[in-house]
Amino acid sequence: MIFFTMGSVMLTACSEAGWEGYGPRNQGAIGRAYGYSDRKISENTFYVDYVEAPGFATDAREKAKRRATELCIESGFVRAEFTPQFQNQGDLIMAYGNATCLSSGDQVIQLTEKQRIERRIREIDAEIASYNTSIAASNDGQAIFIDPTLRTIDAITSGLFSRSDQNNIAKLQAERAQLVSRLQSL
């Protein structure tokens, strides 16, 4: 039990070393591939992307939205209109898109209920694909340890992450089924 606890602490410490969970890309030793990048396209439009590990599509989406909002507010606007798309890049997932900055007088286009449901279904599909990529990567890249203690710790942590991913997929599939049912009734 002591080895398991020490291994968990070491894994957590190593995975978080130099990375606070949100920030620009190329920050920290472990988190160099993760984070946001952005560029100004016009006075009120920015391109924003956020890269995360597979299985974290929701986090990538929320962090990209956060960065889009930050850019717009820093530029003197009151909010951002931003709906990211997703792209799998090997062992990474990217949420990306153009953010339009809005002032208090700007008209916001209201989506119909059908459009909102269709958009959420696309987001769910991307998140499920991200989890599946994460599961496939963990199955393909099983570490081989000579030390039986390390082998046991690796098996336990891999199993925990896999079960967590499977639970998240099941929840997303249930939400998707409800949305498809609702869409058909419209």
C-alpha atoms as a PDB file:
ATOM      1  CA  MET A   1       0.000   0.000   0.000  1.00  0.00           C
ATOM      2  CA  ILE A   2       2.903   2.317   0.747  1.00  0.00           C
ATOM      3  CA  PHE A   3       4.333   1.738  -2.730  1.00  0.00           C
ATOM      4  CA  PHE A   4       0.950   2.472  -4.309  1.00  0.00           C
ATOM      5  CA  THR A   5       0.622   5.736  -2.393  1.00  0.00           C
ATOM      6  CA  MET A   6       4.195   6.770  -3.184  1.00  0.00           C
ATOM      7  CA  GLY A   7       3.716   5.839  -6.848  1.00  0.00           C
ATOM      8  CA  SER A   8       0.498   7.846  -7.082  1.00  0.00           C
ATOM      9  CA  VAL A   9       2.130  10.879  -5.504  1.00  0.00           C
ATOM     10  CA  MET A  10       5.133  10.581  -7.825  1.00  0.00           C
ATOM     11  CA  LEU A  11       2.933  10.216 -10.920  1.00  0.00           C
ATOM     12  CA  THR A  12       0.869  13.242  -9.918  1.00  0.00           C
ATOM     13  CA  ALA A  13       3.953  15.313  -9.160  1.00  0.00           C
ATOM     14  CA  CYS A  14       5.601  14.388 -12.448  1.00  0.00           C
ATOM     15  CA  SER A  15       2.493  15.066 -14.510  1.00  0.00           C
ATOM     16  CA  GLU A  16       2.000  18.484 -12.939  1.00  0.00           C
ATOM     17  CA  ALA A  17       5.647  19.570 -12.930  1.00  0.00           C
ATOM     18  CA  GLY A  18       5.896  22.960 -14.536  1.00  0.00           C
ATOM     19  CA  TRP A  19       2.266  23.054 -15.609  1.00  0.00           C
ATOM     20  CA  GLU A  20      -0.518  24.824 -13.755  1.00  0.00           C
ATOM     21  CA  GLY A  21      -3.279  23.484 -16.013  1.00  0.00           C
ATOM     22  CA  TYR A  22      -3.920  26.693 -17.969  1.00  0.00           C
ATOM     23  CA  GLY A  23      -1.542  28.901 -19.852  1.00  0.00           C
ATOM     24  CA  PRO A  24       0.272  29.487 -23.119  1.00  0.00           C
ATOM     25  CA  ARG A  25       1.788  26.595 -25.004  1.00  0.00           C
ATOM     26  CA  ASN A  26       5.473  25.858 -24.334  1.00  0.00           C
ATOM     27  CA  GLN A  27       5.117  26.503 -20.603  1.00  0.00           C
ATOM     28  CA  GLY A  28       6.966  24.110 -18.291  1.00  0.00           C
ATOM     29  CA  ALA A  29       8.914  20.938 -18.989  1.00  0.00           C
ATOM     30  CA  ILE A  30       6.030  18.451 -19.012  1.00  0.00           C
ATOM     31  CA  GLY A  31       3.358  20.819 -20.343  1.00  0.00           C
ATOM     32  CA  ARG A  32       5.252  22.099 -23.392  1.00  0.00           C
ATOM     33  CA  ALA A  33       2.757  20.588 -25.835  1.00  0.00           C
ATOM     34  CA  TYR A  34      -0.299  21.776 -23.904  1.00  0.00           C
ATOM     35  CA  GLY A  35      -1.871  25.200 -23.619  1.00  0.00           C
ATOM     36  CA  TYR A  36      -3.228  27.977 -25.784  1.00  0.00           C
ATOM     37  CA  SER A  37      -2.000  29.977 -28.707  1.00  0.00           C
ATOM     38  CA  ASP A  38      -3.783  32.871 -30.357  1.00  0.00           C
ATOM     39  CA  ARG A  39      -3.416  35.547 -32.981  1.00  0.00           C
ATOM     40  CA  LYS A  40      -5.341  38.646 -33.894  1.00  0.00           C
ATOM     41  CA  ILE A  41      -7.183  38.407 -37.213  1.00  0.00           C
ATOM     42  CA  SER A  42      -8.976  41.751 -37.174  1.00  0.00           C
ATOM     43  CA  GLU A  43      -9.943  44.443 -34.693  1.00  0.00           C
ATOM     44  CA  ASN A  44     -12.642  42.233 -33.159  1.00  0.00           C
ATOM     45  CA  THR A  45     -11.634  38.696 -34.220  1.00  0.00           C
ATOM     46  CA  PHE A  46      -9.030  36.350 -32.799  1.00  0.00           C
ATOM     47  CA  TYR A  47      -7.970  32.832 -33.726  1.00  0.00           C
ATOM     48  CA  VAL A  48      -7.664  30.745 -30.552  1.00  0.00           C
ATOM     49  CA  ASP A  49      -6.639  27.147 -30.003  1.00  0.00           C
ATOM     50  CA  TYR A  50      -6.037  25.080 -26.913  1.00  0.00           C
ATOM     51  CA  VAL A  51      -4.185  21.744 -26.885  1.00  0.00           C
ATOM     52  CA  GLU A  52      -4.830  19.082 -24.235  1.00  0.00           C
ATOM     53  CA  ALA A  53      -4.260  15.366 -23.797  1.00  0.00           C
ATOM     54  CA  PRO A  54      -6.759  12.972 -25.403  1.00  0.00           C
ATOM     55  CA  GLY A  55      -9.734  12.402 -23.145  1.00  0.00           C
ATOM     56  CA  PHE A  56      -9.789  16.068 -22.131  1.00  0.00           C
ATOM     57  CA  ALA A  57     -11.848  17.537 -24.990  1.00  0.00           C
ATOM     58  CA  THR A  58     -14.195  19.234 -22.514  1.00  0.00           C
ATOM     59  CA  ASP A  59     -11.241  20.864 -20.752  1.00  0.00           C
ATOM     60  CA  ALA A  60      -9.735  21.945 -24.076  1.00  0.00           C
ATOM     61  CA  ARG A  61     -13.059  23.494 -25.120  1.00  0.00           C
ATOM     62  CA  GLU A  62     -13.550  25.352 -21.845  1.00  0.00           C
ATOM     63  CA  LYS A  63      -9.963  26.615 -21.739  1.00  0.00           C
ATOM     64  CA  ALA A  64     -10.176  27.797 -25.367  1.00  0.00           C
ATOM     65  CA  LYS A  65     -13.407  29.651 -24.506  1.00  0.00           C
ATOM     66  CA  ARG A  66     -11.691  31.168 -21.479  1.00  0.00           C
ATOM     67  CA  ARG A  67      -8.791  32.422 -23.611  1.00  0.00           C
ATOM     68  CA  ALA A  68     -11.176  33.831 -26.233  1.00  0.00           C
ATOM     69  CA  THR A  69     -13.041  35.739 -23.525  1.00  0.00           C
ATOM     70  CA  GLU A  70      -9.782  37.032 -22.016  1.00  0.00           C
ATOM     71  CA  LEU A  71      -8.600  38.354 -25.396  1.00  0.00           C
ATOM     72  CA  CYS A  72     -11.879  40.122 -26.085  1.00  0.00           C
ATOM     73  CA  ILE A  73     -12.072  41.721 -22.648  1.00  0.00           C
ATOM     74  CA  GLU A  74      -8.414  42.817 -22.854  1.00  0.00           C
ATOM     75  CA  SER A  75      -9.293  44.470 -26.189  1.00  0.00           C
ATOM     76  CA  GLY A  76     -12.159  46.485 -24.657  1.00  0.00           C
ATOM     77  CA  PHE A  77     -15.113  44.281 -25.595  1.00  0.00           C
ATOM     78  CA  VAL A  78     -17.624  42.824 -23.153  1.00  0.00           C
ATOM     79  CA  ARG A  79     -17.846  39.224 -24.348  1.00  0.00           C
ATOM     80  CA  ALA A  80     -16.765  36.679 -26.947  1.00  0.00           C
ATOM     81  CA  GLU A  81     -18.783  34.582 -29.327  1.00  0.00           C
ATOM     82  CA  PHE A  82     -16.760  31.404 -29.729  1.00  0.00           C
ATOM     83  CA  THR A  83     -17.694  27.847 -30.626  1.00  0.00           C
ATOM     84  CA  PRO A  84     -14.564  25.734 -31.008  1.00  0.00           C
ATOM     85  CA  GLN A  85     -14.097  22.759 -33.272  1.00  0.00           C
ATOM     86  CA  PHE A  86     -11.978  19.750 -32.353  1.00  0.00           C
ATOM     87  CA  GLN A  87      -9.059  18.056 -34.029  1.00  0.00           C
ATOM     88  CA  ASN A  88      -7.149  14.972 -32.872  1.00  0.00           C
ATOM     89  CA  GLN A  89      -3.410  15.341 -33.389  1.00  0.00           C
ATOM     90  CA  GLY A  90      -1.939  11.977 -32.532  1.00  0.00           C
ATOM     91  CA  ASP A  91      -1.702  11.928 -28.760  1.00  0.00           C
ATOM     92  CA  LEU A  92      -3.181  15.438 -28.404  1.00  0.00           C
ATOM     93  CA  ILE A  93      -6.581  17.067 -28.905  1.00  0.00           C
ATOM     94  CA  MET A  94      -7.021  20.653 -30.055  1.00  0.00           C
ATOM     95  CA  ALA A  95     -10.053  22.883 -29.568  1.00  0.00           C
ATOM     96  CA  TYR A  96      -9.804  25.756 -32.046  1.00  0.00           C
ATOM     97  CA  GLY A  97     -11.722  28.440 -33.895  1.00  0.00           C
ATOM     98  CA  ASN A  98     -12.285  32.138 -34.441  1.00  0.00           C
ATOM     99  CA  ALA A  99     -13.581  34.241 -31.570  1.00  0.00           C
ATOM    100  CA  THR A 100     -15.682  37.275 -32.422  1.00  0.00           C
ATOM    101  CA  CYS A 101     -15.549  39.998 -29.791  1.00  0.00           C
ATOM    102  CA  LEU A 102     -18.842  41.726 -29.026  1.00  0.00           C
ATOM    103  CA  SER A 103     -19.637  45.041 -27.376  1.00  0.00           C
ATOM    104  CA  SER A 104     -22.711  45.625 -25.247  1.00  0.00           C
ATOM    105  CA  GLY A 105     -24.618  47.023 -28.248  1.00  0.00           C
ATOM    106  CA  ASP A 106     -23.925  44.114 -30.586  1.00  0.00           C
ATOM    107  CA  GLN A 107     -26.811  41.892 -31.536  1.00  0.00           C
ATOM    108  CA  VAL A 108     -26.269  38.269 -30.633  1.00  0.00           C
ATOM    109  CA  ILE A 109     -27.600  35.708 -33.066  1.00  0.00           C
ATOM    110  CA  GLN A 110     -29.917  33.350 -31.243  1.00  0.00           C
ATOM    111  CA  LEU A 111     -29.650  29.726 -32.243  1.00  0.00           C
ATOM    112  CA  THR A 112     -32.798  27.697 -32.568  1.00  0.00           C
ATOM    113  CA  GLU A 113     -33.254  24.769 -30.221  1.00  0.00           C
ATOM    114  CA  LYS A 114     -32.521  22.407 -33.123  1.00  0.00           C
ATOM    115  CA  GLN A 115     -29.242  24.222 -33.866  1.00  0.00           C
ATOM    116  CA  ARG A 116     -28.210  24.131 -30.187  1.00  0.00           C
ATOM    117  CA  ILE A 117     -28.943  20.391 -29.992  1.00  0.00           C
ATOM    118  CA  GLU A 118     -27.067  19.660 -33.232  1.00  0.00           C
ATOM    119  CA  ARG A 119     -24.078  21.682 -31.995  1.00  0.00           C
ATOM    120  CA  ARG A 120     -24.006  19.801 -28.677  1.00  0.00           C
ATOM    121  CA  ILE A 121     -24.235  16.434 -30.487  1.00  0.00           C
ATOM    122  CA  ARG A 122     -21.166  17.397 -32.568  1.00  0.00           C
ATOM    123  CA  GLU A 123     -19.322  18.390 -29.370  1.00  0.00           C
ATOM    124  CA  ILE A 124     -20.248  15.064 -27.742  1.00  0.00           C
ATOM    125  CA  ASP A 125     -19.031  13.127 -30.793  1.00  0.00           C
ATOM    126  CA  ALA A 126     -15.694  14.956 -30.623  1.00  0.00           C
ATOM    127  CA  GLU A 127     -15.374  14.304 -26.891  1.00  0.00           C
ATOM    128  CA  ILE A 128     -16.127  10.587 -27.336  1.00  0.00           C
ATOM    129  CA  ALA A 129     -13.529  10.403 -30.119  1.00  0.00           C
ATOM    130  CA  SER A 130     -11.031  12.060 -27.773  1.00  0.00           C
ATOM    131  CA  TYR A 131     -11.700   9.514 -25.018  1.00  0.00           C
ATOM    132  CA  ASN A 132     -11.411   6.637 -27.511  1.00  0.00           C
ATOM    133  CA  THR A 133      -8.073   8.029 -28.706  1.00  0.00           C
ATOM    134  CA  SER A 134      -6.901   8.204 -25.101  1.00  0.00           C
ATOM    135  CA  ILE A 135      -7.968   4.607 -24.428  1.00  0.00           C
ATOM    136  CA  ALA A 136      -6.301   3.351 -27.618  1.00  0.00           C
ATOM    137  CA  ALA A 137      -3.087   5.215 -26.779  1.00  0.00           C
ATOM    138  CA  SER A 138      -2.978   3.768 -23.272  1.00  0.00           C
ATOM    139  CA  ASN A 139      -3.596   0.241 -24.610  1.00  0.00           C
ATOM    140  CA  ASP A 140      -0.927   0.579 -27.301  1.00  0.00           C
ATOM    141  CA  GLY A 141       1.685   2.202 -25.109  1.00  0.00           C
ATOM    142  CA  GLN A 142       1.712  -0.080 -22.096  1.00  0.00           C
ATOM    143  CA  ALA A 143       4.945   0.442 -20.212  1.00  0.00           C
ATOM    144  CA  ILE A 144       7.004  -2.630 -19.500  1.00  0.00           C
ATOM    145  CA  PHE A 145       8.573  -2.567 -16.057  1.00  0.00           C
ATOM    146  CA  ILE A 146      10.973  -5.171 -14.744  1.00  0.00           C
ATOM    147  CA  ASP A 147      10.271  -4.247 -11.131  1.00  0.00           C
ATOM    148  CA  PRO A 148       7.035  -6.047 -10.069  1.00  0.00           C
ATOM    149  CA  THR A 149       6.016  -3.124  -7.833  1.00  0.00           C
ATOM    150  CA  LEU A 150       6.243  -0.629 -10.691  1.00  0.00           C
ATOM    151  CA  ARG A 151       4.437  -3.067 -12.980  1.00  0.00           C
ATOM    152  CA  THR A 152       1.613  -3.337 -10.408  1.00  0.00           C
ATOM    153  CA  ILE A 153       1.367   0.458  -9.974  1.00  0.00           C
ATOM    154  CA  ASP A 154       1.245   0.902 -13.770  1.00  0.00           C
ATOM    155  CA  ALA A 155      -1.502  -1.727 -14.122  1.00  0.00           C
ATOM    156  CA  ILE A 156      -3.591  -0.166 -11.347  1.00  0.00           C
ATOM    157  CA  THR A 157      -3.312   3.407 -12.613  1.00  0.00           C
ATOM    158  CA  SER A 158      -3.954   2.355 -16.236  1.00  0.00           C
ATOM    159  CA  GLY A 159      -7.049   0.480 -15.123  1.00  0.00           C
ATOM    160  CA  LEU A 160      -8.331   3.447 -13.137  1.00  0.00           C
ATOM    161  CA  PHE A 161      -7.908   5.851 -16.053  1.00  0.00           C
ATOM    162  CA  SER A 162      -9.494   3.383 -18.483  1.00  0.00           C
ATOM    163  CA  ARG A 163     -12.547   2.874 -16.239  1.00  0.00           C
ATOM    164  CA  SER A 164     -12.883   6.627 -15.786  1.00  0.00           C
ATOM    165  CA  ASP A 165     -12.744   7.159 -19.559  1.00  0.00           C
ATOM    166  CA  GLN A 166     -15.336   4.399 -20.097  1.00  0.00           C
ATOM    167  CA  ASN A 167     -17.639   6.006 -17.495  1.00  0.00           C
ATOM    168  CA  ASN A 168     -17.297   9.392 -19.176  1.00  0.00           C
ATOM    169  CA  ILE A 169     -18.059   7.844 -22.584  1.00  0.00           C
ATOM    170  CA  ALA A 170     -21.160   6.144 -21.169  1.00  0.00           C
ATOM    171  CA  LYS A 171     -22.412   9.464 -19.730  1.00  0.00           C
ATOM    172  CA  LEU A 172     -21.792  11.251 -23.024  1.00  0.00           C
ATOM    173  CA  GLN A 173     -23.544   8.496 -24.993  1.00  0.00           C
ATOM    174  CA  ALA A 174     -26.569   8.728 -22.680  1.00  0.00           C
ATOM    175  CA  GLU A 175     -26.695  12.515 -23.122  1.00  0.00           C
ATOM    176  CA  ARG A 176     -26.343  12.084 -26.898  1.00  0.00           C
ATOM    177  CA  ALA A 177     -29.220   9.570 -26.995  1.00  0.00           C
ATOM    178  CA  GLN A 178     -31.463  12.013 -25.109  1.00  0.00           C
ATOM    179  CA  LEU A 179     -30.531  14.829 -27.474  1.00  0.00           C
ATOM    180  CA  VAL A 180     -31.162  12.713 -30.579  1.00  0.00           C
ATOM    181  CA  SER A 181     -34.559  11.736 -29.158  1.00  0.00           C
ATOM    182  CA  ARG A 182     -35.358  15.397 -28.463  1.00  0.00           C
ATOM    183  CA  LEU A 183     -34.190  16.372 -31.953  1.00  0.00           C
ATOM    184  CA  GLN A 184     -36.480  13.791 -33.533  1.00  0.00           C
ATOM    185  CA  SER A 185     -39.453  15.150 -31.608  1.00  0.00           C
ATOM    186  CA  LEU A 186     -38.946  18.689 -32.933  1.00  0.00           C
END
